[in-house]
Amino acid sequence: MATKISEMIVQEDIPAITINEEGIITQINERFQKVYGWEKQNLIGNPLFIIIPEEFHTAHDIGFSRFLKTEKPTLLGKPLALSIRHATGGTLPAEHTIYGEKNEGKWIFGALIKPMD
């Protein structure tokens, strides 16, 4: 049976991305590429920070580390009005909804990242 995260990455209408518990990008869907200008080969295997605006790096690192330590979610599954870094270097407002699953003792995370007007 497919997991929620594996199902989200095959969506065609919403940009989606997955990372492992080390914060490394593992997948993006075609819609993510079209909306945010990134190509798979430029993201897969790289740290998530490549798409996070610099001013959010510390907050993301603190929250991500806290979750991995406590495994108590405070933001998972909740829409968050944040920003994302476009491949051109600019930032765009986007609604992030983040999900996490533990598979074989390791966390994987997926996010639906909808552009906001």
PDB file of N, CA and C in Angstrom:
ATOM      1  N   MET A   1       0.842  -1.192   0.000  1.00  0.00           N
ATOM      2  CA  MET A   1       0.000   0.000   0.000  1.00  0.00           C
ATOM      3  C   MET A   1       0.885   1.254   0.000  1.00  0.00           C
ATOM      4  N   ALA A   2       0.508   2.221  -0.802  1.00  0.00           N
ATOM      5  CA  ALA A   2       1.289   3.455  -0.917  1.00  0.00           C
ATOM      6  C   ALA A   2       1.128   4.320   0.327  1.00  0.00           C
ATOM      7  N   THR A   3       2.186   5.008   0.675  1.00  0.00           N
ATOM      8  CA  THR A   3       2.131   5.921   1.813  1.00  0.00           C
ATOM      9  C   THR A   3       1.601   7.268   1.366  1.00  0.00           C
ATOM     10  N   LYS A   4       1.207   8.074   2.318  1.00  0.00           N
ATOM     11  CA  LYS A   4       0.729   9.418   2.007  1.00  0.00           C
ATOM     12  C   LYS A   4       1.808  10.211   1.264  1.00  0.00           C
ATOM     13  N   ILE A   5       3.036  10.085   1.693  1.00  0.00           N
ATOM     14  CA  ILE A   5       4.117  10.844   1.061  1.00  0.00           C
ATOM     15  C   ILE A   5       4.389  10.333  -0.352  1.00  0.00           C
ATOM     16  N   SER A   6       4.384   9.041  -0.550  1.00  0.00           N
ATOM     17  CA  SER A   6       4.611   8.531  -1.905  1.00  0.00           C
ATOM     18  C   SER A   6       3.452   8.884  -2.822  1.00  0.00           C
ATOM     19  N   GLU A   7       2.258   9.012  -2.277  1.00  0.00           N
ATOM     20  CA  GLU A   7       1.105   9.434  -3.076  1.00  0.00           C
ATOM     21  C   GLU A   7       1.207  10.914  -3.435  1.00  0.00           C
ATOM     22  N   MET A   8       1.687  11.734  -2.514  1.00  0.00           N
ATOM     23  CA  MET A   8       1.732  13.176  -2.778  1.00  0.00           C
ATOM     24  C   MET A   8       2.722  13.519  -3.879  1.00  0.00           C
ATOM     25  N   ILE A   9       3.805  12.785  -3.981  1.00  0.00           N
ATOM     26  CA  ILE A   9       4.844  13.140  -4.947  1.00  0.00           C
ATOM     27  C   ILE A   9       4.400  12.874  -6.383  1.00  0.00           C
ATOM     28  N   VAL A  10       3.405  12.016  -6.581  1.00  0.00           N
ATOM     29  CA  VAL A  10       2.933  11.733  -7.940  1.00  0.00           C
ATOM     30  C   VAL A  10       1.797  12.659  -8.373  1.00  0.00           C
ATOM     31  N   GLN A  11       1.365  13.551  -7.503  1.00  0.00           N
ATOM     32  CA  GLN A  11       0.328  14.506  -7.879  1.00  0.00           C
ATOM     33  C   GLN A  11       0.814  15.373  -9.031  1.00  0.00           C
ATOM     34  N   GLU A  12      -0.107  15.717  -9.884  1.00  0.00           N
ATOM     35  CA  GLU A  12       0.255  16.536 -11.033  1.00  0.00           C
ATOM     36  C   GLU A  12      -0.129  17.993 -10.861  1.00  0.00           C
ATOM     37  N   ASP A  13      -1.011  18.298  -9.911  1.00  0.00           N
ATOM     38  CA  ASP A  13      -1.539  19.658  -9.812  1.00  0.00           C
ATOM     39  C   ASP A  13      -0.939  20.498  -8.692  1.00  0.00           C
ATOM     40  N   ILE A  14      -0.203  19.892  -7.777  1.00  0.00           N
ATOM     41  CA  ILE A  14       0.374  20.625  -6.644  1.00  0.00           C
ATOM     42  C   ILE A  14       1.877  20.335  -6.571  1.00  0.00           C
ATOM     43  N   PRO A  15       2.707  21.378  -6.478  1.00  0.00           N
ATOM     44  CA  PRO A  15       4.146  21.147  -6.322  1.00  0.00           C
ATOM     45  C   PRO A  15       4.432  20.358  -5.034  1.00  0.00           C
ATOM     46  N   ALA A  16       5.267  19.325  -5.150  1.00  0.00           N
ATOM     47  CA  ALA A  16       5.582  18.481  -4.000  1.00  0.00           C
ATOM     48  C   ALA A  16       7.069  18.145  -3.981  1.00  0.00           C
ATOM     49  N   ILE A  17       7.576  17.946  -2.763  1.00  0.00           N
ATOM     50  CA  ILE A  17       8.993  17.635  -2.554  1.00  0.00           C
ATOM     51  C   ILE A  17       9.104  16.679  -1.373  1.00  0.00           C
ATOM     52  N   THR A  18      10.109  15.804  -1.386  1.00  0.00           N
ATOM     53  CA  THR A  18      10.364  14.933  -0.239  1.00  0.00           C
ATOM     54  C   THR A  18      11.826  15.054   0.172  1.00  0.00           C
ATOM     55  N   ILE A  19      12.050  14.838   1.470  1.00  0.00           N
ATOM     56  CA  ILE A  19      13.412  14.837   2.013  1.00  0.00           C
ATOM     57  C   ILE A  19      13.551  13.671   2.987  1.00  0.00           C
ATOM     58  N   ASN A  20      14.788  13.308   3.273  1.00  0.00           N
ATOM     59  CA  ASN A  20      15.039  12.299   4.298  1.00  0.00           C
ATOM     60  C   ASN A  20      15.298  12.988   5.640  1.00  0.00           C
ATOM     61  N   GLU A  21      15.570  12.202   6.665  1.00  0.00           N
ATOM     62  CA  GLU A  21      15.749  12.792   8.002  1.00  0.00           C
ATOM     63  C   GLU A  21      17.068  13.544   8.155  1.00  0.00           C
ATOM     64  N   GLU A  22      17.922  13.465   7.164  1.00  0.00           N
ATOM     65  CA  GLU A  22      19.149  14.268   7.166  1.00  0.00           C
ATOM     66  C   GLU A  22      18.924  15.620   6.486  1.00  0.00           C
ATOM     67  N   GLY A  23      17.705  15.850   5.993  1.00  0.00           N
ATOM     68  CA  GLY A  23      17.397  17.112   5.326  1.00  0.00           C
ATOM     69  C   GLY A  23      17.844  17.167   3.876  1.00  0.00           C
ATOM     70  N   ILE A  24      18.040  15.998   3.271  1.00  0.00           N
ATOM     71  CA  ILE A  24      18.473  15.913   1.876  1.00  0.00           C
ATOM     72  C   ILE A  24      17.256  15.665   0.982  1.00  0.00           C
ATOM     73  N   ILE A  25      17.165  16.423  -0.093  1.00  0.00           N
ATOM     74  CA  ILE A  25      16.045  16.288  -1.028  1.00  0.00           C
ATOM     75  C   ILE A  25      16.152  14.950  -1.751  1.00  0.00           C
ATOM     76  N   THR A  26      15.034  14.195  -1.739  1.00  0.00           N
ATOM     77  CA  THR A  26      15.024  12.877  -2.370  1.00  0.00           C
ATOM     78  C   THR A  26      14.153  12.823  -3.623  1.00  0.00           C
ATOM     79  N   GLN A  27      13.119  13.662  -3.689  1.00  0.00           N
ATOM     80  CA  GLN A  27      12.230  13.680  -4.851  1.00  0.00           C
ATOM     81  C   GLN A  27      11.571  15.046  -4.997  1.00  0.00           C
ATOM     82  N   ILE A  28      11.264  15.403  -6.232  1.00  0.00           N
ATOM     83  CA  ILE A  28      10.360  16.522  -6.511  1.00  0.00           C
ATOM     84  C   ILE A  28       9.470  16.065  -7.662  1.00  0.00           C
ATOM     85  N   ASN A  29       8.275  16.629  -7.734  1.00  0.00           N
ATOM     86  CA  ASN A  29       7.419  16.245  -8.853  1.00  0.00           C
ATOM     87  C   ASN A  29       7.548  17.242 -10.002  1.00  0.00           C
ATOM     88  N   GLU A  30       6.924  16.894 -11.116  1.00  0.00           N
ATOM     89  CA  GLU A  30       6.995  17.740 -12.311  1.00  0.00           C
ATOM     90  C   GLU A  30       6.415  19.125 -12.051  1.00  0.00           C
ATOM     91  N   ARG A  31       5.330  19.191 -11.284  1.00  0.00           N
ATOM     92  CA  ARG A  31       4.689  20.478 -11.010  1.00  0.00           C
ATOM     93  C   ARG A  31       5.640  21.393 -10.236  1.00  0.00           C
ATOM     94  N   PHE A  32       6.393  20.838  -9.292  1.00  0.00           N
ATOM     95  CA  PHE A  32       7.376  21.621  -8.538  1.00  0.00           C
ATOM     96  C   PHE A  32       8.383  22.245  -9.506  1.00  0.00           C
ATOM     97  N   GLN A  33       8.839  21.447 -10.456  1.00  0.00           N
ATOM     98  CA  GLN A  33       9.805  21.947 -11.436  1.00  0.00           C
ATOM     99  C   GLN A  33       9.229  23.096 -12.254  1.00  0.00           C
ATOM    100  N   LYS A  34       7.992  22.945 -12.706  1.00  0.00           N
ATOM    101  CA  LYS A  34       7.364  23.973 -13.544  1.00  0.00           C
ATOM    102  C   LYS A  34       7.106  25.260 -12.773  1.00  0.00           C
ATOM    103  N   VAL A  35       6.602  25.144 -11.554  1.00  0.00           N
ATOM    104  CA  VAL A  35       6.220  26.332 -10.777  1.00  0.00           C
ATOM    105  C   VAL A  35       7.433  27.077 -10.241  1.00  0.00           C
ATOM    106  N   TYR A  36       8.430  26.351  -9.739  1.00  0.00           N
ATOM    107  CA  TYR A  36       9.556  26.997  -9.064  1.00  0.00           C
ATOM    108  C   TYR A  36      10.852  27.010  -9.877  1.00  0.00           C
ATOM    109  N   GLY A  37      10.814  26.482 -11.087  1.00  0.00           N
ATOM    110  CA  GLY A  37      11.943  26.611 -11.997  1.00  0.00           C
ATOM    111  C   GLY A  37      13.120  25.682 -11.765  1.00  0.00           C
ATOM    112  N   TRP A  38      13.027  24.800 -10.790  1.00  0.00           N
ATOM    113  CA  TRP A  38      14.143  23.904 -10.480  1.00  0.00           C
ATOM    114  C   TRP A  38      14.092  22.660 -11.360  1.00  0.00           C
ATOM    115  N   GLU A  39      15.247  22.120 -11.686  1.00  0.00           N
ATOM    116  CA  GLU A  39      15.328  20.843 -12.380  1.00  0.00           C
ATOM    117  C   GLU A  39      15.757  19.789 -11.370  1.00  0.00           C
ATOM    118  N   LYS A  40      15.246  18.578 -11.560  1.00  0.00           N
ATOM    119  CA  LYS A  40      15.535  17.498 -10.606  1.00  0.00           C
ATOM    120  C   LYS A  40      17.027  17.354 -10.330  1.00  0.00           C
ATOM    121  N   GLN A  41      17.835  17.365 -11.367  1.00  0.00           N
ATOM    122  CA  GLN A  41      19.272  17.135 -11.181  1.00  0.00           C
ATOM    123  C   GLN A  41      19.942  18.221 -10.350  1.00  0.00           C
ATOM    124  N   ASN A  42      19.308  19.374 -10.214  1.00  0.00           N
ATOM    125  CA  ASN A  42      19.873  20.452  -9.397  1.00  0.00           C
ATOM    126  C   ASN A  42      19.416  20.399  -7.946  1.00  0.00           C
ATOM    127  N   LEU A  43      18.442  19.545  -7.646  1.00  0.00           N
ATOM    128  CA  LEU A  43      17.931  19.464  -6.275  1.00  0.00           C
ATOM    129  C   LEU A  43      18.174  18.116  -5.608  1.00  0.00           C
ATOM    130  N   ILE A  44      17.906  17.018  -6.313  1.00  0.00           N
ATOM    131  CA  ILE A  44      18.018  15.690  -5.711  1.00  0.00           C
ATOM    132  C   ILE A  44      19.437  15.491  -5.175  1.00  0.00           C
ATOM    133  N   GLY A  45      19.516  15.093  -3.898  1.00  0.00           N
ATOM    134  CA  GLY A  45      20.811  14.861  -3.261  1.00  0.00           C
ATOM    135  C   GLY A  45      21.395  16.084  -2.577  1.00  0.00           C
ATOM    136  N   ASN A  46      20.734  17.224  -2.720  1.00  0.00           N
ATOM    137  CA  ASN A  46      21.201  18.463  -2.084  1.00  0.00           C
ATOM    138  C   ASN A  46      20.400  18.757  -0.822  1.00  0.00           C
ATOM    139  N   PRO A  47      20.967  19.560   0.080  1.00  0.00           N
ATOM    140  CA  PRO A  47      20.244  19.933   1.303  1.00  0.00           C
ATOM    141  C   PRO A  47      19.003  20.771   0.975  1.00  0.00           C
ATOM    142  N   LEU A  48      17.979  20.608   1.784  1.00  0.00           N
ATOM    143  CA  LEU A  48      16.735  21.359   1.615  1.00  0.00           C
ATOM    144  C   LEU A  48      16.976  22.859   1.648  1.00  0.00           C
ATOM    145  N   PHE A  49      18.022  23.296   2.341  1.00  0.00           N
ATOM    146  CA  PHE A  49      18.306  24.732   2.453  1.00  0.00           C
ATOM    147  C   PHE A  49      18.438  25.421   1.098  1.00  0.00           C
ATOM    148  N   ILE A  50      18.666  24.667   0.035  1.00  0.00           N
ATOM    149  CA  ILE A  50      18.802  25.257  -1.291  1.00  0.00           C
ATOM    150  C   ILE A  50      17.515  25.972  -1.723  1.00  0.00           C
ATOM    151  N   ILE A  51      16.359  25.530  -1.198  1.00  0.00           N
ATOM    152  CA  ILE A  51      15.090  26.171  -1.578  1.00  0.00           C
ATOM    153  C   ILE A  51      14.487  27.014  -0.455  1.00  0.00           C
ATOM    154  N   ILE A  52      15.148  27.045   0.693  1.00  0.00           N
ATOM    155  CA  ILE A  52      14.652  27.836   1.830  1.00  0.00           C
ATOM    156  C   ILE A  52      15.353  29.191   1.819  1.00  0.00           C
ATOM    157  N   PRO A  53      14.590  30.281   1.814  1.00  0.00           N
ATOM    158  CA  PRO A  53      15.240  31.596   1.893  1.00  0.00           C
ATOM    159  C   PRO A  53      16.143  31.678   3.126  1.00  0.00           C
ATOM    160  N   GLU A  54      17.278  32.334   2.970  1.00  0.00           N
ATOM    161  CA  GLU A  54      18.305  32.367   4.015  1.00  0.00           C
ATOM    162  C   GLU A  54      17.780  32.817   5.371  1.00  0.00           C
ATOM    163  N   GLU A  55      16.872  33.767   5.389  1.00  0.00           N
ATOM    164  CA  GLU A  55      16.364  34.279   6.669  1.00  0.00           C
ATOM    165  C   GLU A  55      15.569  33.235   7.457  1.00  0.00           C
ATOM    166  N   PHE A  56      15.216  32.113   6.827  1.00  0.00           N
ATOM    167  CA  PHE A  56      14.477  31.053   7.511  1.00  0.00           C
ATOM    168  C   PHE A  56      15.345  29.848   7.862  1.00  0.00           C
ATOM    169  N   HIS A  57      16.622  29.868   7.512  1.00  0.00           N
ATOM    170  CA  HIS A  57      17.493  28.713   7.761  1.00  0.00           C
ATOM    171  C   HIS A  57      17.551  28.342   9.243  1.00  0.00           C
ATOM    172  N   THR A  58      17.787  29.305  10.110  1.00  0.00           N
ATOM    173  CA  THR A  58      17.930  29.011  11.539  1.00  0.00           C
ATOM    174  C   THR A  58      16.637  28.461  12.123  1.00  0.00           C
ATOM    175  N   ALA A  59      15.518  29.094  11.811  1.00  0.00           N
ATOM    176  CA  ALA A  59      14.228  28.624  12.336  1.00  0.00           C
ATOM    177  C   ALA A  59      13.934  27.210  11.851  1.00  0.00           C
ATOM    178  N   HIS A  60      14.223  26.927  10.589  1.00  0.00           N
ATOM    179  CA  HIS A  60      13.993  25.584  10.066  1.00  0.00           C
ATOM    180  C   HIS A  60      14.893  24.576  10.771  1.00  0.00           C
ATOM    181  N   ASP A  61      16.149  24.908  10.941  1.00  0.00           N
ATOM    182  CA  ASP A  61      17.095  24.001  11.589  1.00  0.00           C
ATOM    183  C   ASP A  61      16.668  23.682  13.019  1.00  0.00           C
ATOM    184  N   ILE A  62      16.236  24.699  13.753  1.00  0.00           N
ATOM    185  CA  ILE A  62      15.788  24.495  15.141  1.00  0.00           C
ATOM    186  C   ILE A  62      14.556  23.597  15.184  1.00  0.00           C
ATOM    187  N   GLY A  63      13.563  23.911  14.366  1.00  0.00           N
ATOM    188  CA  GLY A  63      12.331  23.124  14.366  1.00  0.00           C
ATOM    189  C   GLY A  63      12.547  21.695  13.908  1.00  0.00           C
ATOM    190  N   PHE A  64      13.335  21.511  12.865  1.00  0.00           N
ATOM    191  CA  PHE A  64      13.611  20.184  12.326  1.00  0.00           C
ATOM    192  C   PHE A  64      14.366  19.342  13.350  1.00  0.00           C
ATOM    193  N   SER A  65      15.384  19.920  13.965  1.00  0.00           N
ATOM    194  CA  SER A  65      16.167  19.210  14.988  1.00  0.00           C
ATOM    195  C   SER A  65      15.310  18.845  16.190  1.00  0.00           C
ATOM    196  N   ARG A  66      14.462  19.774  16.619  1.00  0.00           N
ATOM    197  CA  ARG A  66      13.583  19.512  17.762  1.00  0.00           C
ATOM    198  C   ARG A  66      12.645  18.348  17.459  1.00  0.00           C
ATOM    199  N   PHE A  67      12.067  18.341  16.257  1.00  0.00           N
ATOM    200  CA  PHE A  67      11.169  17.242  15.915  1.00  0.00           C
ATOM    201  C   PHE A  67      11.903  15.903  15.916  1.00  0.00           C
ATOM    202  N   LEU A  68      13.073  15.846  15.301  1.00  0.00           N
ATOM    203  CA  LEU A  68      13.812  14.584  15.250  1.00  0.00           C
ATOM    204  C   LEU A  68      14.187  14.092  16.643  1.00  0.00           C
ATOM    205  N   LYS A  69      14.425  15.013  17.566  1.00  0.00           N
ATOM    206  CA  LYS A  69      14.785  14.637  18.937  1.00  0.00           C
ATOM    207  C   LYS A  69      13.563  14.164  19.728  1.00  0.00           C
ATOM    208  N   THR A  70      12.455  14.899  19.612  1.00  0.00           N
ATOM    209  CA  THR A  70      11.275  14.602  20.433  1.00  0.00           C
ATOM    210  C   THR A  70      10.232  13.743  19.726  1.00  0.00           C
ATOM    211  N   GLU A  71      10.235  13.782  18.399  1.00  0.00           N
ATOM    212  CA  GLU A  71       9.218  13.134  17.570  1.00  0.00           C
ATOM    213  C   GLU A  71       7.810  13.617  17.917  1.00  0.00           C
ATOM    214  N   LYS A  72       7.714  14.837  18.424  1.00  0.00           N
ATOM    215  CA  LYS A  72       6.423  15.455  18.734  1.00  0.00           C
ATOM    216  C   LYS A  72       6.182  16.574  17.730  1.00  0.00           C
ATOM    217  N   PRO A  73       5.250  16.355  16.795  1.00  0.00           N
ATOM    218  CA  PRO A  73       5.012  17.375  15.769  1.00  0.00           C
ATOM    219  C   PRO A  73       4.254  18.584  16.306  1.00  0.00           C
ATOM    220  N   THR A  74       4.646  19.746  15.857  1.00  0.00           N
ATOM    221  CA  THR A  74       3.891  20.959  16.169  1.00  0.00           C
ATOM    222  C   THR A  74       3.372  21.606  14.890  1.00  0.00           C
ATOM    223  N   LEU A  75       3.990  21.303  13.754  1.00  0.00           N
ATOM    224  CA  LEU A  75       3.603  21.942  12.497  1.00  0.00           C
ATOM    225  C   LEU A  75       3.156  20.964  11.415  1.00  0.00           C
ATOM    226  N   LEU A  76       3.373  19.670  11.608  1.00  0.00           N
ATOM    227  CA  LEU A  76       3.036  18.705  10.563  1.00  0.00           C
ATOM    228  C   LEU A  76       1.542  18.714  10.272  1.00  0.00           C
ATOM    229  N   GLY A  77       1.210  18.706   8.992  1.00  0.00           N
ATOM    230  CA  GLY A  77      -0.177  18.655   8.558  1.00  0.00           C
ATOM    231  C   GLY A  77      -0.920  19.972   8.605  1.00  0.00           C
ATOM    232  N   LYS A  78      -0.248  21.032   9.028  1.00  0.00           N
ATOM    233  CA  LYS A  78      -0.894  22.346   9.131  1.00  0.00           C
ATOM    234  C   LYS A  78      -0.384  23.250   8.013  1.00  0.00           C
ATOM    235  N   PRO A  79      -1.285  23.938   7.303  1.00  0.00           N
ATOM    236  CA  PRO A  79      -0.823  24.870   6.271  1.00  0.00           C
ATOM    237  C   PRO A  79      -0.052  26.035   6.890  1.00  0.00           C
ATOM    238  N   LEU A  80       1.103  26.332   6.322  1.00  0.00           N
ATOM    239  CA  LEU A  80       1.968  27.399   6.823  1.00  0.00           C
ATOM    240  C   LEU A  80       2.246  28.394   5.701  1.00  0.00           C
ATOM    241  N   ALA A  81       2.011  29.657   5.960  1.00  0.00           N
ATOM    242  CA  ALA A  81       2.319  30.701   4.978  1.00  0.00           C
ATOM    243  C   ALA A  81       3.792  31.061   5.120  1.00  0.00           C
ATOM    244  N   LEU A  82       4.604  30.598   4.173  1.00  0.00           N
ATOM    245  CA  LEU A  82       6.046  30.811   4.198  1.00  0.00           C
ATOM    246  C   LEU A  82       6.507  31.298   2.829  1.00  0.00           C
ATOM    247  N   SER A  83       7.769  31.190   2.575  1.00  0.00           N
ATOM    248  CA  SER A  83       8.333  31.547   1.271  1.00  0.00           C
ATOM    249  C   SER A  83       9.171  30.388   0.765  1.00  0.00           C
ATOM    250  N   ILE A  84       9.443  30.417  -0.523  1.00  0.00           N
ATOM    251  CA  ILE A  84      10.309  29.419  -1.145  1.00  0.00           C
ATOM    252  C   ILE A  84      11.241  30.142  -2.109  1.00  0.00           C
ATOM    253  N   ARG A  85      12.428  29.624  -2.240  1.00  0.00           N
ATOM    254  CA  ARG A  85      13.404  30.215  -3.157  1.00  0.00           C
ATOM    255  C   ARG A  85      13.205  29.629  -4.553  1.00  0.00           C
ATOM    256  N   HIS A  86      12.974  30.483  -5.515  1.00  0.00           N
ATOM    257  CA  HIS A  86      12.832  30.085  -6.916  1.00  0.00           C
ATOM    258  C   HIS A  86      14.222  29.797  -7.478  1.00  0.00           C
ATOM    259  N   ALA A  87      14.277  29.010  -8.526  1.00  0.00           N
ATOM    260  CA  ALA A  87      15.565  28.669  -9.143  1.00  0.00           C
ATOM    261  C   ALA A  87      16.328  29.903  -9.620  1.00  0.00           C
ATOM    262  N   THR A  88      15.618  30.987  -9.917  1.00  0.00           N
ATOM    263  CA  THR A  88      16.270  32.219 -10.374  1.00  0.00           C
ATOM    264  C   THR A  88      16.916  32.994  -9.234  1.00  0.00           C
ATOM    265  N   GLY A  89      16.642  32.565  -7.985  1.00  0.00           N
ATOM    266  CA  GLY A  89      17.224  33.226  -6.818  1.00  0.00           C
ATOM    267  C   GLY A  89      16.254  34.096  -6.054  1.00  0.00           C
ATOM    268  N   GLY A  90      15.139  34.460  -6.660  1.00  0.00           N
ATOM    269  CA  GLY A  90      14.128  35.248  -5.960  1.00  0.00           C
ATOM    270  C   GLY A  90      13.324  34.388  -5.002  1.00  0.00           C
ATOM    271  N   THR A  91      12.501  35.025  -4.196  1.00  0.00           N
ATOM    272  CA  THR A  91      11.637  34.278  -3.286  1.00  0.00           C
ATOM    273  C   THR A  91      10.182  34.537  -3.638  1.00  0.00           C
ATOM    274  N   LEU A  92       9.364  33.536  -3.380  1.00  0.00           N
ATOM    275  CA  LEU A  92       7.939  33.608  -3.656  1.00  0.00           C
ATOM    276  C   LEU A  92       7.162  33.187  -2.420  1.00  0.00           C
ATOM    277  N   PRO A  93       6.017  33.823  -2.145  1.00  0.00           N
ATOM    278  CA  PRO A  93       5.176  33.356  -1.048  1.00  0.00           C
ATOM    279  C   PRO A  93       4.536  32.022  -1.437  1.00  0.00           C
ATOM    280  N   ALA A  94       4.462  31.111  -0.491  1.00  0.00           N
ATOM    281  CA  ALA A  94       3.896  29.793  -0.770  1.00  0.00           C
ATOM    282  C   ALA A  94       3.320  29.190   0.505  1.00  0.00           C
ATOM    283  N   GLU A  95       2.261  28.415   0.329  1.00  0.00           N
ATOM    284  CA  GLU A  95       1.662  27.694   1.451  1.00  0.00           C
ATOM    285  C   GLU A  95       2.293  26.302   1.506  1.00  0.00           C
ATOM    286  N   HIS A  96       2.952  26.016   2.616  1.00  0.00           N
ATOM    287  CA  HIS A  96       3.614  24.726   2.818  1.00  0.00           C
ATOM    288  C   HIS A  96       2.762  23.874   3.760  1.00  0.00           C
ATOM    289  N   THR A  97       2.467  22.650   3.345  1.00  0.00           N
ATOM    290  CA  THR A  97       1.845  21.679   4.243  1.00  0.00           C
ATOM    291  C   THR A  97       2.795  20.489   4.282  1.00  0.00           C
ATOM    292  N   ILE A  98       3.333  20.224   5.464  1.00  0.00           N
ATOM    293  CA  ILE A  98       4.408  19.246   5.625  1.00  0.00           C
ATOM    294  C   ILE A  98       3.878  17.999   6.326  1.00  0.00           C
ATOM    295  N   TYR A  99       4.309  16.845   5.843  1.00  0.00           N
ATOM    296  CA  TYR A  99       3.917  15.560   6.418  1.00  0.00           C
ATOM    297  C   TYR A  99       5.173  14.768   6.747  1.00  0.00           C
ATOM    298  N   GLY A 100       5.077  13.906   7.748  1.00  0.00           N
ATOM    299  CA  GLY A 100       6.203  13.057   8.107  1.00  0.00           C
ATOM    300  C   GLY A 100       5.741  11.635   8.336  1.00  0.00           C
ATOM    301  N   GLU A 101       6.580  10.689   7.967  1.00  0.00           N
ATOM    302  CA  GLU A 101       6.310   9.267   8.185  1.00  0.00           C
ATOM    303  C   GLU A 101       7.601   8.590   8.611  1.00  0.00           C
ATOM    304  N   LYS A 102       7.451   7.633   9.488  1.00  0.00           N
ATOM    305  CA  LYS A 102       8.613   6.846   9.888  1.00  0.00           C
ATOM    306  C   LYS A 102       8.521   5.496   9.185  1.00  0.00           C
ATOM    307  N   ASN A 103       9.532   5.188   8.381  1.00  0.00           N
ATOM    308  CA  ASN A 103       9.594   3.930   7.646  1.00  0.00           C
ATOM    309  C   ASN A 103      10.894   3.229   7.988  1.00  0.00           C
ATOM    310  N   GLU A 104      10.772   1.999   8.479  1.00  0.00           N
ATOM    311  CA  GLU A 104      11.945   1.202   8.835  1.00  0.00           C
ATOM    312  C   GLU A 104      12.890   1.956   9.760  1.00  0.00           C
ATOM    313  N   GLY A 105      12.305   2.682  10.731  1.00  0.00           N
ATOM    314  CA  GLY A 105      13.083   3.389  11.737  1.00  0.00           C
ATOM    315  C   GLY A 105      13.637   4.735  11.310  1.00  0.00           C
ATOM    316  N   LYS A 106      13.356   5.150  10.079  1.00  0.00           N
ATOM    317  CA  LYS A 106      13.863   6.437   9.580  1.00  0.00           C
ATOM    318  C   LYS A 106      12.699   7.315   9.141  1.00  0.00           C
ATOM    319  N   TRP A 107      12.841   8.611   9.427  1.00  0.00           N
ATOM    320  CA  TRP A 107      11.822   9.574   9.038  1.00  0.00           C
ATOM    321  C   TRP A 107      12.010  10.007   7.596  1.00  0.00           C
ATOM    322  N   ILE A 108      10.878  10.164   6.911  1.00  0.00           N
ATOM    323  CA  ILE A 108      10.851  10.829   5.616  1.00  0.00           C
ATOM    324  C   ILE A 108       9.802  11.925   5.721  1.00  0.00           C
ATOM    325  N   PHE A 109      10.008  12.986   4.981  1.00  0.00           N
ATOM    326  CA  PHE A 109       9.102  14.125   5.028  1.00  0.00           C
ATOM    327  C   PHE A 109       8.723  14.522   3.616  1.00  0.00           C
ATOM    328  N   GLY A 110       7.496  14.952   3.480  1.00  0.00           N
ATOM    329  CA  GLY A 110       7.018  15.454   2.201  1.00  0.00           C
ATOM    330  C   GLY A 110       6.286  16.752   2.431  1.00  0.00           C
ATOM    331  N   ALA A 111       6.328  17.611   1.447  1.00  0.00           N
ATOM    332  CA  ALA A 111       5.618  18.885   1.552  1.00  0.00           C
ATOM    333  C   ALA A 111       4.907  19.194   0.250  1.00  0.00           C
ATOM    334  N   LEU A 112       3.683  19.667   0.399  1.00  0.00           N
ATOM    335  CA  LEU A 112       2.952  20.257  -0.712  1.00  0.00           C
ATOM    336  C   LEU A 112       3.199  21.746  -0.598  1.00  0.00           C
ATOM    337  N   ILE A 113       3.698  22.361  -1.642  1.00  0.00           N
ATOM    338  CA  ILE A 113       4.100  23.769  -1.578  1.00  0.00           C
ATOM    339  C   ILE A 113       3.359  24.543  -2.669  1.00  0.00           C
ATOM    340  N   LYS A 114       2.203  25.075  -2.287  1.00  0.00           N
ATOM    341  CA  LYS A 114       1.336  25.781  -3.236  1.00  0.00           C
ATOM    342  C   LYS A 114       1.712  27.251  -3.322  1.00  0.00           C
ATOM    343  N   PRO A 115       1.855  27.766  -4.546  1.00  0.00           N
ATOM    344  CA  PRO A 115       2.136  29.198  -4.677  1.00  0.00           C
ATOM    345  C   PRO A 115       0.960  30.019  -4.163  1.00  0.00           C
ATOM    346  N   MET A 116       1.269  31.153  -3.553  1.00  0.00           N
ATOM    347  CA  MET A 116       0.238  32.064  -3.061  1.00  0.00           C
ATOM    348  C   MET A 116       0.282  33.328  -3.916  1.00  0.00           C
ATOM    349  N   ASP A 117      -0.880  33.832  -4.232  1.00  0.00           N
ATOM    350  CA  ASP A 117      -0.940  35.066  -5.034  1.00  0.00           C
ATOM    351  C   ASP A 117      -0.817  36.289  -4.177  1.00  0.00           C
TER     352      ASP A 117
END
